[in-house]
Amino acid sequence: MRWGEKRYNSLNYFLREKFGEKVYKVSLDGGFTCPNRDGTLSKKGCIFCSDSGSGEFAGSRKKSITDQIEEQLELIVKKFPHGNVIAYFQNFTNTYGDLEYLRKIYEEALSHPRVVGLAIATRPDCIDDKILDLLEELNNKTFLWIELGLQTTDEKTAENINRGWKLEVFDDIMSKLNNRDIKVVAHIILGLPNESFETMLASIRHIVREKVWGVKFHLLHIIKNTNLEKLYIETKFHTLTKEEYIELIAKGIGILDKDMVIHRLTGDGSRETLMEPKWSLDKRNVLNSIEKYLKENNVSQGDQDEKIT
């Protein structure tokens, strides 16, 4: 098959092709907050976001970037003793800070002998022209991608989840990043309250039109002690069944361009903090079920007939 043993262009496949070997990511905490938490826009955060800023597996911000990388490497030393890694600035908003501080921590990560690239998670409303210049500079000397939490293209849903910016902000920064040949990974959440299948698929069609390089699909996780948990308790909105999620993912895979890179097909939930859906805790089973569905229904990435315009 075109992508090895998969029916889609996985990140693992892409990195093996690019670097000639397995490449892991190490998750780092750059010590950031978010304008949706510090009062600039809001103090509530996005409705689904945990206290760790969706960085449950990142290093400790009390340690230097170098020490965090070493700590993360120790966690995978048995299965990955010598290979190279991508330094992933994961939790909160990793361009929301002083320009020189950003340069300092990015450069510190790149100075580690096993780091061959950077992944930087942020918000589209937190990348100004000076930060664009810095990202372009980094892009010219290392392998780089930027992760943007789009989540949905539906403006009503975006308001309900307290995202804090309009879709036009995403489209504008996508144009600027594409013009500088900087790769972008868009995050899409499937199962947001009251979204229909068609609304969710419309979000996927949008990132195809915007020429996004990669995508992370997330099943909506209702995490304890979040505003989403409160909403779920109050309204008992529908959460996707395993069968619904697998069907959605398969349709989404068919919609994507063949060259897009799929970074994730579902999320990682903590047994201690996940309220619903409990079936998602068996991640291996979910991934195997997706693979089985794709094979049985002869679905591959980019093979959907409809034209994206």
Protein backbone atom coordinates (compact mmCIF):
# COMPACT_ATOMS: atom_id res chain seq x y z
CA MET A 1 0.00 0.00 0.00
CA ARG A 2 1.06 3.60 -0.50
CA TRP A 3 1.64 4.22 3.22
CA GLY A 4 3.18 0.92 4.24
CA GLU A 5 0.73 -1.20 6.20
CA LYS A 6 -1.79 1.64 6.67
CA ARG A 7 -4.65 2.99 4.59
CA TYR A 8 -3.65 6.52 5.53
CA ASN A 9 -0.54 8.69 5.73
CA SER A 10 0.39 8.38 9.41
CA LEU A 11 2.92 10.59 11.15
CA ASN A 12 4.98 7.51 11.99
CA TYR A 13 5.18 6.61 8.28
CA PHE A 14 5.98 10.19 7.26
CA LEU A 15 8.81 10.56 9.80
CA ARG A 16 10.32 7.20 8.89
CA GLU A 17 10.35 8.23 5.25
CA LYS A 18 11.88 11.63 6.01
CA PHE A 19 14.50 10.62 8.58
CA GLY A 20 15.05 7.00 7.60
CA GLU A 21 14.22 5.76 11.10
CA LYS A 22 11.66 5.85 13.88
CA VAL A 23 11.38 9.33 15.44
CA TYR A 24 9.57 9.97 18.74
CA LYS A 25 8.18 13.19 20.17
CA VAL A 26 9.13 14.41 23.64
CA SER A 27 6.50 16.66 25.26
CA LEU A 28 7.77 19.81 26.95
CA ASP A 29 6.29 22.52 29.16
CA GLY A 30 7.58 25.96 28.19
CA GLY A 31 6.02 27.66 31.23
CA PHE A 32 3.25 29.39 29.27
CA THR A 33 -0.32 30.34 30.04
CA CYS A 34 -3.09 31.30 27.60
CA PRO A 35 -5.00 34.53 26.84
CA ASN A 36 -8.13 32.52 27.47
CA ARG A 37 -6.99 31.89 31.03
CA ASP A 38 -4.99 34.91 32.19
CA GLY A 39 -7.86 37.38 31.76
CA THR A 40 -6.78 38.87 28.43
CA LEU A 41 -9.78 37.23 26.77
CA SER A 42 -11.21 35.17 29.61
CA LYS A 43 -10.28 33.36 32.79
CA LYS A 44 -12.40 30.31 31.99
CA GLY A 45 -10.29 28.68 29.28
CA CYS A 46 -11.78 26.53 26.54
CA ILE A 47 -14.60 24.49 28.02
CA PHE A 48 -12.82 21.14 27.44
CA CYS A 49 -9.33 22.15 28.58
CA SER A 50 -7.83 20.59 31.69
CA ASP A 51 -5.78 22.32 34.38
CA SER A 52 -2.62 21.21 32.59
CA GLY A 53 -3.61 22.97 29.37
CA SER A 54 -4.01 19.64 27.53
CA GLY A 55 -0.45 18.68 28.36
CA GLU A 56 -0.95 15.77 30.74
CA PHE A 57 2.14 13.98 29.45
CA ALA A 58 4.51 16.96 29.21
CA GLY A 59 7.55 17.53 31.37
CA SER A 60 7.60 19.73 34.47
CA ARG A 61 7.83 23.49 33.98
CA LYS A 62 9.95 23.61 37.10
CA LYS A 63 12.80 22.08 35.10
CA SER A 64 14.85 23.51 32.25
CA ILE A 65 14.02 22.51 28.68
CA THR A 66 17.20 20.43 28.54
CA ASP A 67 16.34 18.61 31.77
CA GLN A 68 12.80 17.97 30.53
CA ILE A 69 14.14 16.43 27.33
CA GLU A 70 16.47 14.17 29.33
CA GLU A 71 13.61 13.21 31.65
CA GLN A 72 11.34 12.35 28.71
CA LEU A 73 14.11 10.32 27.06
CA GLU A 74 14.49 8.30 30.25
CA LEU A 75 10.83 7.31 30.00
CA ILE A 76 11.37 5.70 26.59
CA VAL A 77 14.97 4.54 26.99
CA LYS A 78 14.16 0.81 26.92
CA LYS A 79 12.36 0.90 23.57
CA PHE A 80 14.21 3.90 22.13
CA PRO A 81 17.74 4.15 23.55
CA HIS A 82 19.54 6.04 20.77
CA GLY A 83 17.17 7.53 18.16
CA ASN A 84 16.30 11.12 17.37
CA VAL A 85 13.26 13.04 18.62
CA ILE A 86 11.01 16.01 17.90
CA ALA A 87 10.81 18.54 20.75
CA TYR A 88 7.09 19.15 21.23
CA PHE A 89 6.04 22.29 23.11
CA GLN A 90 2.60 21.00 24.02
CA ASN A 91 0.55 22.50 26.80
CA PHE A 92 -1.13 25.91 26.89
CA THR A 93 -0.14 28.48 24.20
CA ASN A 94 3.49 28.14 23.18
CA THR A 95 3.91 31.40 21.27
CA TYR A 96 2.24 33.47 23.99
CA GLY A 97 5.28 35.16 25.47
CA ASP A 98 8.19 37.53 25.02
CA LEU A 99 9.93 37.06 21.66
CA GLU A 100 13.39 36.62 23.15
CA TYR A 101 12.10 34.08 25.65
CA LEU A 102 10.53 32.13 22.80
CA ARG A 103 13.80 32.18 20.90
CA LYS A 104 15.70 31.06 24.00
CA ILE A 105 13.62 27.97 24.74
CA TYR A 106 13.27 26.90 21.12
CA GLU A 107 17.03 27.22 20.61
CA GLU A 108 17.72 25.35 23.85
CA ALA A 109 15.60 22.46 22.61
CA LEU A 110 17.37 22.43 19.26
CA SER A 111 20.77 22.40 20.96
CA HIS A 112 20.10 18.91 22.34
CA PRO A 113 22.03 16.37 20.23
CA ARG A 114 19.03 14.07 19.75
CA VAL A 115 16.52 16.77 18.74
CA VAL A 116 15.96 16.96 14.97
CA GLY A 117 12.92 19.22 14.89
CA LEU A 118 10.32 21.29 16.71
CA ALA A 119 6.55 21.03 17.10
CA ILE A 120 4.89 24.09 18.63
CA ALA A 121 1.26 24.08 19.79
CA THR A 122 -0.43 27.47 19.92
CA ARG A 123 -3.50 29.56 19.06
CA PRO A 124 -3.98 31.35 15.72
CA ASP A 125 -4.58 34.63 17.56
CA CYS A 126 -1.17 34.40 19.26
CA ILE A 127 1.10 34.60 16.22
CA ASP A 128 2.02 38.16 15.21
CA ASP A 129 4.41 39.23 12.45
CA LYS A 130 7.49 39.14 14.69
CA ILE A 131 6.68 35.62 15.80
CA LEU A 132 6.08 34.67 12.17
CA ASP A 133 9.59 35.93 11.40
CA LEU A 134 11.02 33.80 14.20
CA LEU A 135 9.10 30.73 13.04
CA GLU A 136 10.33 31.26 9.48
CA GLU A 137 13.89 31.53 10.78
CA LEU A 138 13.49 28.24 12.65
CA ASN A 139 11.82 26.63 9.65
CA ASN A 140 14.85 27.44 7.52
CA LYS A 141 17.22 25.56 9.81
CA THR A 142 15.23 22.67 11.27
CA PHE A 143 12.17 20.51 10.70
CA LEU A 144 9.22 22.47 12.11
CA TRP A 145 5.49 22.25 12.37
CA ILE A 146 2.95 24.47 14.16
CA GLU A 147 -0.17 23.02 15.80
CA LEU A 148 -3.35 25.10 15.86
CA GLY A 149 -6.40 24.12 17.89
CA LEU A 150 -9.15 24.77 15.36
CA GLN A 151 -11.51 22.18 16.97
CA THR A 152 -14.51 23.24 14.83
CA THR A 153 -15.45 25.61 12.01
CA ASP A 154 -18.94 26.17 13.41
CA GLU A 155 -19.06 29.64 14.94
CA LYS A 156 -21.91 28.82 17.33
CA THR A 157 -20.02 25.81 18.70
CA ALA A 158 -16.83 27.89 18.94
CA GLU A 159 -18.66 30.42 21.08
CA ASN A 160 -20.18 27.70 23.24
CA ILE A 161 -16.78 26.14 23.94
CA ASN A 162 -15.28 29.58 24.67
CA ARG A 163 -12.60 29.27 21.96
CA GLY A 164 -12.15 33.04 21.87
CA TRP A 165 -11.55 33.73 18.18
CA LYS A 166 -13.46 33.67 14.88
CA LEU A 167 -12.78 31.32 11.99
CA GLU A 168 -11.39 34.17 9.90
CA VAL A 169 -8.48 34.41 12.38
CA PHE A 170 -7.52 30.81 11.61
CA ASP A 171 -7.85 31.35 7.87
CA ASP A 172 -5.70 34.48 7.99
CA ILE A 173 -2.83 32.87 9.90
CA MET A 174 -3.05 29.77 7.71
CA SER A 175 -2.47 31.97 4.66
CA LYS A 176 0.53 33.64 6.30
CA LEU A 177 2.08 30.37 7.46
CA ASN A 178 1.52 28.72 4.07
CA ASN A 179 3.13 31.71 2.35
CA ARG A 180 6.26 31.06 4.44
CA ASP A 181 6.16 27.31 3.80
CA ILE A 182 5.61 26.56 7.49
CA LYS A 183 3.77 23.31 8.11
CA VAL A 184 0.54 23.45 10.12
CA VAL A 185 -1.28 20.69 11.99
CA ALA A 186 -4.94 21.44 12.75
CA HIS A 187 -6.70 19.88 15.74
CA ILE A 188 -10.31 18.78 15.15
CA ILE A 189 -12.56 17.59 18.00
CA LEU A 190 -15.28 15.13 17.04
CA GLY A 191 -18.28 14.99 19.36
CA LEU A 192 -18.52 18.59 20.56
CA PRO A 193 -21.94 19.29 22.16
CA ASN A 194 -24.83 19.33 19.70
CA GLU A 195 -22.72 19.10 16.54
CA SER A 196 -24.13 16.93 13.75
CA PHE A 197 -22.06 14.52 11.67
CA GLU A 198 -22.25 16.96 8.78
CA THR A 199 -21.02 19.85 10.95
CA MET A 200 -18.02 17.80 12.02
CA LEU A 201 -17.24 16.71 8.46
CA ALA A 202 -17.51 20.36 7.36
CA SER A 203 -14.63 21.18 9.72
CA ILE A 204 -12.52 18.51 8.02
CA ARG A 205 -13.43 19.81 4.56
CA HIS A 206 -12.36 23.28 5.66
CA ILE A 207 -8.82 22.27 6.61
CA VAL A 208 -8.48 20.55 3.23
CA ARG A 209 -9.43 23.81 1.50
CA GLU A 210 -6.97 25.74 3.69
CA LYS A 211 -4.10 23.44 2.63
CA VAL A 212 -3.29 22.27 6.14
CA TRP A 213 -0.29 19.91 6.18
CA GLY A 214 -1.46 17.63 9.00
CA VAL A 215 -4.39 16.87 11.25
CA LYS A 216 -5.01 15.57 14.75
CA PHE A 217 -8.42 14.01 15.28
CA HIS A 218 -9.65 14.04 18.87
CA LEU A 219 -12.62 12.30 20.37
CA LEU A 220 -14.25 14.74 22.81
CA HIS A 221 -13.14 13.75 26.29
CA ILE A 222 -15.17 14.97 29.21
CA ILE A 223 -12.51 15.59 31.82
CA LYS A 224 -13.33 15.93 35.49
CA ASN A 225 -13.15 19.41 37.01
CA THR A 226 -13.67 21.19 33.68
CA ASN A 227 -16.53 23.42 32.56
CA LEU A 228 -17.38 20.71 30.05
CA GLU A 229 -18.03 18.30 32.90
CA LYS A 230 -20.44 20.81 34.44
CA LEU A 231 -22.27 21.19 31.12
CA TYR A 232 -22.52 17.42 30.70
CA ILE A 233 -23.94 16.95 34.19
CA GLU A 234 -26.49 19.71 33.55
CA THR A 235 -27.60 18.75 30.04
CA LYS A 236 -26.48 15.14 29.44
CA PHE A 237 -25.66 16.01 25.81
CA HIS A 238 -25.00 13.07 23.49
CA THR A 239 -21.49 11.65 23.53
CA LEU A 240 -20.33 9.63 20.54
CA THR A 241 -20.49 5.88 20.70
CA LYS A 242 -17.48 3.90 19.57
CA GLU A 243 -19.32 2.91 16.38
CA GLU A 244 -20.24 6.53 15.59
CA TYR A 245 -16.69 7.70 16.14
CA ILE A 246 -15.19 5.03 13.90
CA GLU A 247 -17.64 5.88 11.11
CA LEU A 248 -16.81 9.58 11.43
CA ILE A 249 -13.07 8.95 11.36
CA ALA A 250 -13.41 6.77 8.28
CA LYS A 251 -15.37 9.45 6.45
CA GLY A 252 -12.86 12.07 7.54
CA ILE A 253 -9.93 10.00 6.27
CA GLY A 254 -11.67 9.68 2.91
CA ILE A 255 -12.09 13.47 2.68
CA LEU A 256 -8.43 14.34 3.33
CA ASP A 257 -5.93 14.99 0.57
CA LYS A 258 -3.63 12.04 0.04
CA ASP A 259 -0.54 14.06 1.04
CA MET A 260 -1.92 15.26 4.38
CA VAL A 261 -0.29 13.67 7.43
CA ILE A 262 -2.53 12.17 10.11
CA HIS A 263 -0.89 12.78 13.47
CA ARG A 264 -3.63 11.27 15.61
CA LEU A 265 -6.82 9.26 15.20
CA THR A 266 -7.98 9.51 18.80
CA GLY A 267 -6.81 11.04 22.07
CA ASP A 268 -5.15 9.74 25.22
CA GLY A 269 -7.38 9.85 28.27
CA SER A 270 -6.37 9.45 31.88
CA ARG A 271 -8.39 6.81 33.73
CA GLU A 272 -8.30 9.02 36.83
CA THR A 273 -9.66 12.15 35.15
CA LEU A 274 -11.84 10.92 32.27
CA MET A 275 -15.55 11.08 32.95
CA GLU A 276 -16.86 10.04 29.51
CA PRO A 277 -16.73 8.25 27.13
CA LYS A 278 -15.21 5.36 29.04
CA TRP A 279 -14.85 3.16 25.96
CA SER A 280 -12.07 5.44 24.72
CA LEU A 281 -9.73 4.31 27.50
CA ASP A 282 -8.89 1.18 25.50
CA LYS A 283 -7.00 3.15 22.87
CA ARG A 284 -5.43 0.10 21.23
CA ASN A 285 -8.88 -1.42 20.70
CA VAL A 286 -10.17 1.83 19.20
CA LEU A 287 -7.25 2.04 16.76
CA ASN A 288 -7.59 -1.61 15.79
CA SER A 289 -11.32 -1.12 15.23
CA ILE A 290 -10.63 1.85 12.94
CA GLU A 291 -8.13 -0.21 10.93
CA LYS A 292 -10.65 -3.05 10.66
CA TYR A 293 -13.44 -0.71 9.52
CA LEU A 294 -11.22 0.89 6.85
CA LYS A 295 -10.24 -2.52 5.51
CA GLU A 296 -13.73 -4.04 5.56
CA ASN A 297 -15.23 -0.98 3.85
CA ASN A 298 -12.29 -0.47 1.48
CA VAL A 299 -11.70 3.11 2.65
CA SER A 300 -8.35 4.82 2.11
CA GLN A 301 -7.19 8.38 2.62
CA GLY A 302 -8.33 10.75 -0.11
CA ASP A 303 -10.53 8.28 -1.97
CA GLN A 304 -13.85 10.02 -1.36
CA ASP A 305 -15.47 11.02 -4.64
CA GLU A 306 -16.72 14.47 -3.67
CA LYS A 307 -14.70 17.46 -4.84
CA ILE A 308 -13.43 19.89 -2.18
CA THR A 309 -13.71 23.44 -3.52
